[in-house]
């Protein structure tokens, strides 16, 4: 899969993604990362990519021309039409379902804004999707783009060496992940749950499923309506919460 990032800070993108699992997948040729410096496409001899907003107001606005030319340079050699994602607080909130939807694409283009925003005309011209990572403001679109790329890349076959890892992650089936433990068996007076030492894989799987249900009910009950759970599991959650409220 190809990830193209239109940005004023390409080194930030490269240094943030060329590590760990995503970096390994890039080195193995499973993913391709193309961080494009928008400044390389400005007509300004001083490398300017922004100007004052029409109508007045504080701050600067990224200009349409360098963004559009950078986009055209990226897409002219492609044999497919990529979806173009603008990172903005006004977009759809990115979640695991969105990651799965985007992971089937052949390639994606991310547009990272800065300052007071981007000239609306180029957004209307090239953008197909707008996404937000939450109801807060960050300096630019680079960190949201990297978060999205990381989440999307994990859905692509071959990126995770253990094929079950993505399925077990939080939100893999709409639930939070169960608690994890490692050696030693006793740490700081706290003991690993005995069921995990039993060697009975069926009982371990059942315990982990229960823990995922409990954690989600306690910490993120808003996820339950869309989670992949059976009627029996919904009854378990209702009984657990009722018992907890009585105690």
Protein backbone atom coordinates (compact mmCIF):
# COMPACT_ATOMS: atom_id res chain seq x y z
CA UNK A 1 0.00 0.00 0.00
CA UNK A 2 1.19 3.51 -0.81
CA UNK A 3 0.98 6.32 1.73
CA UNK A 4 1.60 9.77 0.25
CA UNK A 5 1.78 12.65 2.73
CA UNK A 6 1.62 16.28 1.55
CA UNK A 7 3.31 18.23 4.31
CA UNK A 8 5.53 21.18 5.23
CA UNK A 9 7.55 18.86 7.47
CA UNK A 10 8.46 15.67 5.58
CA UNK A 11 11.28 14.79 7.99
CA UNK A 12 8.74 14.68 10.82
CA UNK A 13 6.70 12.11 8.90
CA UNK A 14 9.71 9.98 8.03
CA UNK A 15 11.21 10.02 11.52
CA UNK A 16 7.84 9.24 13.08
CA UNK A 17 7.03 6.24 10.89
CA UNK A 18 10.39 4.66 10.04
CA UNK A 19 10.48 2.77 13.33
CA UNK A 20 9.05 -0.36 14.93
CA UNK A 21 6.40 -2.37 13.05
CA UNK A 22 5.58 0.26 10.41
CA UNK A 23 9.25 0.95 9.68
CA UNK A 24 9.92 -2.76 9.26
CA UNK A 25 6.99 -3.10 6.86
CA UNK A 26 8.34 -0.20 4.79
CA UNK A 27 11.80 -1.80 4.68
CA UNK A 28 10.24 -5.11 3.61
CA UNK A 29 8.35 -3.42 0.78
CA UNK A 30 4.88 -4.15 2.17
CA UNK A 31 4.24 -0.42 2.58
CA UNK A 32 5.55 2.57 0.66
CA UNK A 33 5.90 5.96 2.38
CA UNK A 34 6.22 9.08 0.24
CA UNK A 35 6.55 12.28 2.31
CA UNK A 36 6.19 15.20 -0.11
CA UNK A 37 7.43 18.67 0.82
CA UNK A 38 4.78 21.18 -0.26
CA UNK A 39 7.44 23.93 -0.27
CA UNK A 40 9.11 22.24 -3.24
CA UNK A 41 6.12 23.23 -5.37
CA UNK A 42 5.67 26.89 -4.48
CA UNK A 43 6.14 29.60 -7.09
CA UNK A 44 7.51 31.94 -4.43
CA UNK A 45 11.26 32.51 -4.66
CA UNK A 46 11.28 32.74 -0.86
CA UNK A 47 9.58 29.37 -0.41
CA UNK A 48 6.34 30.85 0.93
CA UNK A 49 3.34 28.53 1.05
CA UNK A 50 0.98 30.79 3.04
CA UNK A 51 -0.54 34.27 2.91
CA UNK A 52 -2.93 36.53 4.80
CA UNK A 53 -6.60 35.50 4.78
CA UNK A 54 -9.10 37.43 2.68
CA UNK A 55 -11.55 39.21 4.95
CA UNK A 56 -8.94 39.80 7.65
CA UNK A 57 -8.32 37.94 10.88
CA UNK A 58 -5.38 36.52 12.77
CA UNK A 59 -2.93 34.02 11.35
CA UNK A 60 -2.04 32.82 7.88
CA UNK A 61 -3.67 30.47 5.37
CA UNK A 62 -1.91 27.80 3.30
CA UNK A 63 -2.17 28.67 -0.39
CA UNK A 64 -3.91 26.48 -2.96
CA UNK A 65 -1.26 26.53 -5.71
CA UNK A 66 1.66 24.69 -4.01
CA UNK A 67 -0.68 22.10 -2.52
CA UNK A 68 -2.35 21.43 -5.84
CA UNK A 69 0.94 21.19 -7.71
CA UNK A 70 2.34 18.80 -5.09
CA UNK A 71 -0.79 16.68 -5.41
CA UNK A 72 -0.55 16.60 -9.21
CA UNK A 73 3.12 15.58 -9.02
CA UNK A 74 2.20 12.67 -6.74
CA UNK A 75 -0.78 11.41 -8.73
CA UNK A 76 0.38 11.86 -12.33
CA UNK A 77 2.39 8.63 -12.22
CA UNK A 78 -0.25 6.51 -10.47
CA UNK A 79 -2.38 3.92 -12.25
CA UNK A 80 -5.25 4.46 -9.78
CA UNK A 81 -7.17 7.38 -8.30
CA UNK A 82 -6.32 7.64 -4.59
CA UNK A 83 -8.58 8.90 -1.86
CA UNK A 84 -7.26 12.20 -0.49
CA UNK A 85 -7.63 12.70 3.24
CA UNK A 86 -7.61 16.15 4.79
CA UNK A 87 -6.82 16.12 8.52
CA UNK A 88 -9.21 18.58 10.16
CA UNK A 89 -11.25 18.95 13.38
CA UNK A 90 -14.28 19.32 11.10
CA UNK A 91 -13.96 15.78 9.72
CA UNK A 92 -15.44 12.41 10.62
CA UNK A 93 -13.91 11.06 13.81
CA UNK A 94 -11.38 8.37 12.90
CA UNK A 95 -11.95 4.96 14.49
CA UNK A 96 -11.13 1.29 13.95
CA UNK A 97 -13.94 0.83 11.45
CA UNK A 98 -12.55 3.68 9.36
CA UNK A 99 -9.09 2.09 9.54
CA UNK A 100 -10.52 -1.16 8.14
CA UNK A 101 -12.33 0.70 5.36
CA UNK A 102 -9.24 2.61 4.30
CA UNK A 103 -6.94 -0.42 4.51
CA UNK A 104 -8.48 -1.93 1.36
CA UNK A 105 -7.35 1.01 -0.76
CA UNK A 106 -4.34 0.69 -3.04
CA UNK A 107 -3.00 4.01 -1.84
CA UNK A 108 -3.94 7.09 0.16
CA UNK A 109 -2.92 10.75 0.07
CA UNK A 110 -2.86 12.70 3.34
CA UNK A 111 -3.04 16.49 3.30
CA UNK A 112 -1.54 18.07 6.42
CA UNK A 113 -2.65 21.61 7.16
CA UNK A 114 -1.01 24.30 9.30
CA UNK A 115 -1.57 27.86 10.51
CA UNK A 116 -5.24 28.91 10.32
CA UNK A 117 -6.01 26.29 7.71
CA UNK A 118 -5.96 25.67 3.96
CA UNK A 119 -7.48 27.68 1.12
CA UNK A 120 -10.93 26.12 0.73
CA UNK A 121 -10.66 26.02 -3.05
CA UNK A 122 -7.94 23.36 -3.12
CA UNK A 123 -9.83 21.33 -0.53
CA UNK A 124 -12.86 21.38 -2.83
CA UNK A 125 -10.65 20.48 -5.80
CA UNK A 126 -8.74 17.45 -4.51
CA UNK A 127 -10.02 16.19 -1.12
CA UNK A 128 -12.31 13.15 -1.00
CA UNK A 129 -12.42 12.56 2.78
CA UNK A 130 -11.99 14.63 5.93
CA UNK A 131 -11.01 13.01 9.23
CA UNK A 132 -10.44 14.18 12.79
CA UNK A 133 -8.65 12.28 15.56
CA UNK A 134 -10.69 13.95 18.29
CA UNK A 135 -12.19 17.12 19.64
CA UNK A 136 -8.97 19.01 20.32
CA UNK A 137 -6.52 21.15 18.39
CA UNK A 138 -2.93 20.26 17.47
CA UNK A 139 -0.31 22.32 15.66
CA UNK A 140 -0.64 20.60 12.29
CA UNK A 141 -1.90 17.55 10.46
CA UNK A 142 1.32 15.56 10.68
CA UNK A 143 0.68 13.76 13.96
CA UNK A 144 -2.93 12.90 13.08
CA UNK A 145 -1.71 11.57 9.71
CA UNK A 146 0.90 9.39 11.40
CA UNK A 147 -1.67 8.01 13.84
CA UNK A 148 -4.02 7.16 10.99
CA UNK A 149 -1.27 5.56 8.90
CA UNK A 150 -0.18 3.41 11.84
CA UNK A 151 -3.74 2.21 12.50
CA UNK A 152 -4.48 1.56 8.81
CA UNK A 153 -1.18 -0.21 8.18
CA UNK A 154 -1.85 -2.74 10.94
CA UNK A 155 -4.87 -3.96 8.95
CA UNK A 156 -2.74 -4.77 5.88
CA UNK A 157 -1.69 -8.43 5.49
CA UNK A 158 1.98 -9.02 6.29
CA UNK A 159 2.52 -5.89 8.37
CA UNK A 160 1.98 -7.76 11.64
CA UNK A 161 4.02 -10.96 11.73
CA UNK A 162 1.53 -12.57 14.12
CA UNK A 163 -1.70 -12.73 12.14
CA UNK A 164 -3.78 -12.83 15.33
CA UNK A 165 -2.38 -9.62 16.81
CA UNK A 166 -4.75 -7.23 15.05
CA UNK A 167 -7.77 -9.36 15.97
CA UNK A 168 -6.85 -9.34 19.67
CA UNK A 169 -6.23 -5.59 19.85
CA UNK A 170 -8.69 -3.26 21.50
CA UNK A 171 -11.55 -2.46 19.08
CA UNK A 172 -10.72 -5.53 16.96
CA UNK A 173 -14.26 -6.79 17.59
CA UNK A 174 -15.61 -3.57 19.04
CA UNK A 175 -14.42 -4.36 22.58
CA UNK A 176 -11.48 -3.24 24.68
CA UNK A 177 -8.63 -5.71 25.01
CA UNK A 178 -8.35 -8.03 28.00
CA UNK A 179 -5.55 -7.43 30.58
CA UNK A 180 -2.12 -8.86 29.76
CA UNK A 181 0.52 -10.35 32.10
CA UNK A 182 4.13 -11.54 31.82
CA UNK A 183 6.89 -12.87 34.11
CA UNK A 184 7.45 -12.95 37.05
CA UNK A 185 4.41 -14.75 38.38
CA UNK A 186 4.38 -12.49 41.45
CA UNK A 187 5.42 -8.85 41.22
CA UNK A 188 5.22 -6.35 44.06
CA UNK A 189 2.81 -8.65 45.87
CA UNK A 190 0.50 -8.89 42.86
CA UNK A 191 -0.08 -12.36 41.42
CA UNK A 192 -0.92 -13.35 37.85
CA UNK A 193 -4.54 -14.65 37.66
CA UNK A 194 -4.35 -18.44 38.24
CA UNK A 195 -6.43 -19.22 35.15
CA UNK A 196 -3.58 -17.98 32.93
CA UNK A 197 -1.25 -20.56 34.48
CA UNK A 198 -3.68 -23.47 34.07
CA UNK A 199 -2.63 -24.51 30.58
CA UNK A 200 -6.30 -24.90 29.66
CA UNK A 201 -6.54 -22.78 26.50
CA UNK A 202 -10.33 -22.95 26.30
CA UNK A 203 -10.69 -21.61 29.83
CA UNK A 204 -8.06 -18.93 29.16
CA UNK A 205 -9.93 -17.79 26.05
CA UNK A 206 -13.22 -17.69 27.97
CA UNK A 207 -11.63 -15.67 30.80
CA UNK A 208 -10.10 -13.20 28.36
CA UNK A 209 -13.43 -12.75 26.60
CA UNK A 210 -15.15 -12.07 29.93
CA UNK A 211 -12.48 -9.54 30.86
CA UNK A 212 -12.93 -7.74 27.53
CA UNK A 213 -16.68 -7.56 28.13
CA UNK A 214 -16.20 -6.29 31.70
CA UNK A 215 -13.58 -3.70 30.76
CA UNK A 216 -15.69 -2.35 27.94
CA UNK A 217 -18.79 -2.18 30.12
CA UNK A 218 -16.88 -0.33 32.84
CA UNK A 219 -14.65 1.96 30.80
CA UNK A 220 -16.29 2.43 27.37
CA UNK A 221 -19.96 1.46 27.57
CA UNK A 222 -20.56 3.62 24.49
CA UNK A 223 -18.87 0.89 22.42
CA UNK A 224 -21.28 -1.88 23.42
CA UNK A 225 -24.20 -1.11 21.06
CA UNK A 226 -22.00 -1.73 18.00
CA UNK A 227 -19.74 -4.44 19.46
CA UNK A 228 -19.78 -7.98 18.07
CA UNK A 229 -21.24 -9.77 21.08
CA UNK A 230 -23.86 -12.49 21.46
CA UNK A 231 -27.21 -12.18 23.29
CA UNK A 232 -25.76 -14.39 26.03
CA UNK A 233 -22.82 -12.02 26.44
CA UNK A 234 -25.16 -9.02 26.63
CA UNK A 235 -27.03 -10.78 29.43
CA UNK A 236 -23.68 -11.41 31.18
CA UNK A 237 -22.86 -7.69 31.00
CA UNK A 238 -26.28 -6.67 32.33
CA UNK A 239 -25.97 -9.11 35.24
CA UNK A 240 -22.41 -7.99 36.00
CA UNK A 241 -23.36 -4.30 36.06
CA UNK A 242 -26.44 -5.00 38.18
CA UNK A 243 -24.38 -6.93 40.74
CA UNK A 244 -21.77 -4.20 40.78
CA UNK A 245 -24.33 -1.46 41.43
CA UNK A 246 -25.73 -3.45 44.37
CA UNK A 247 -22.33 -4.03 46.00
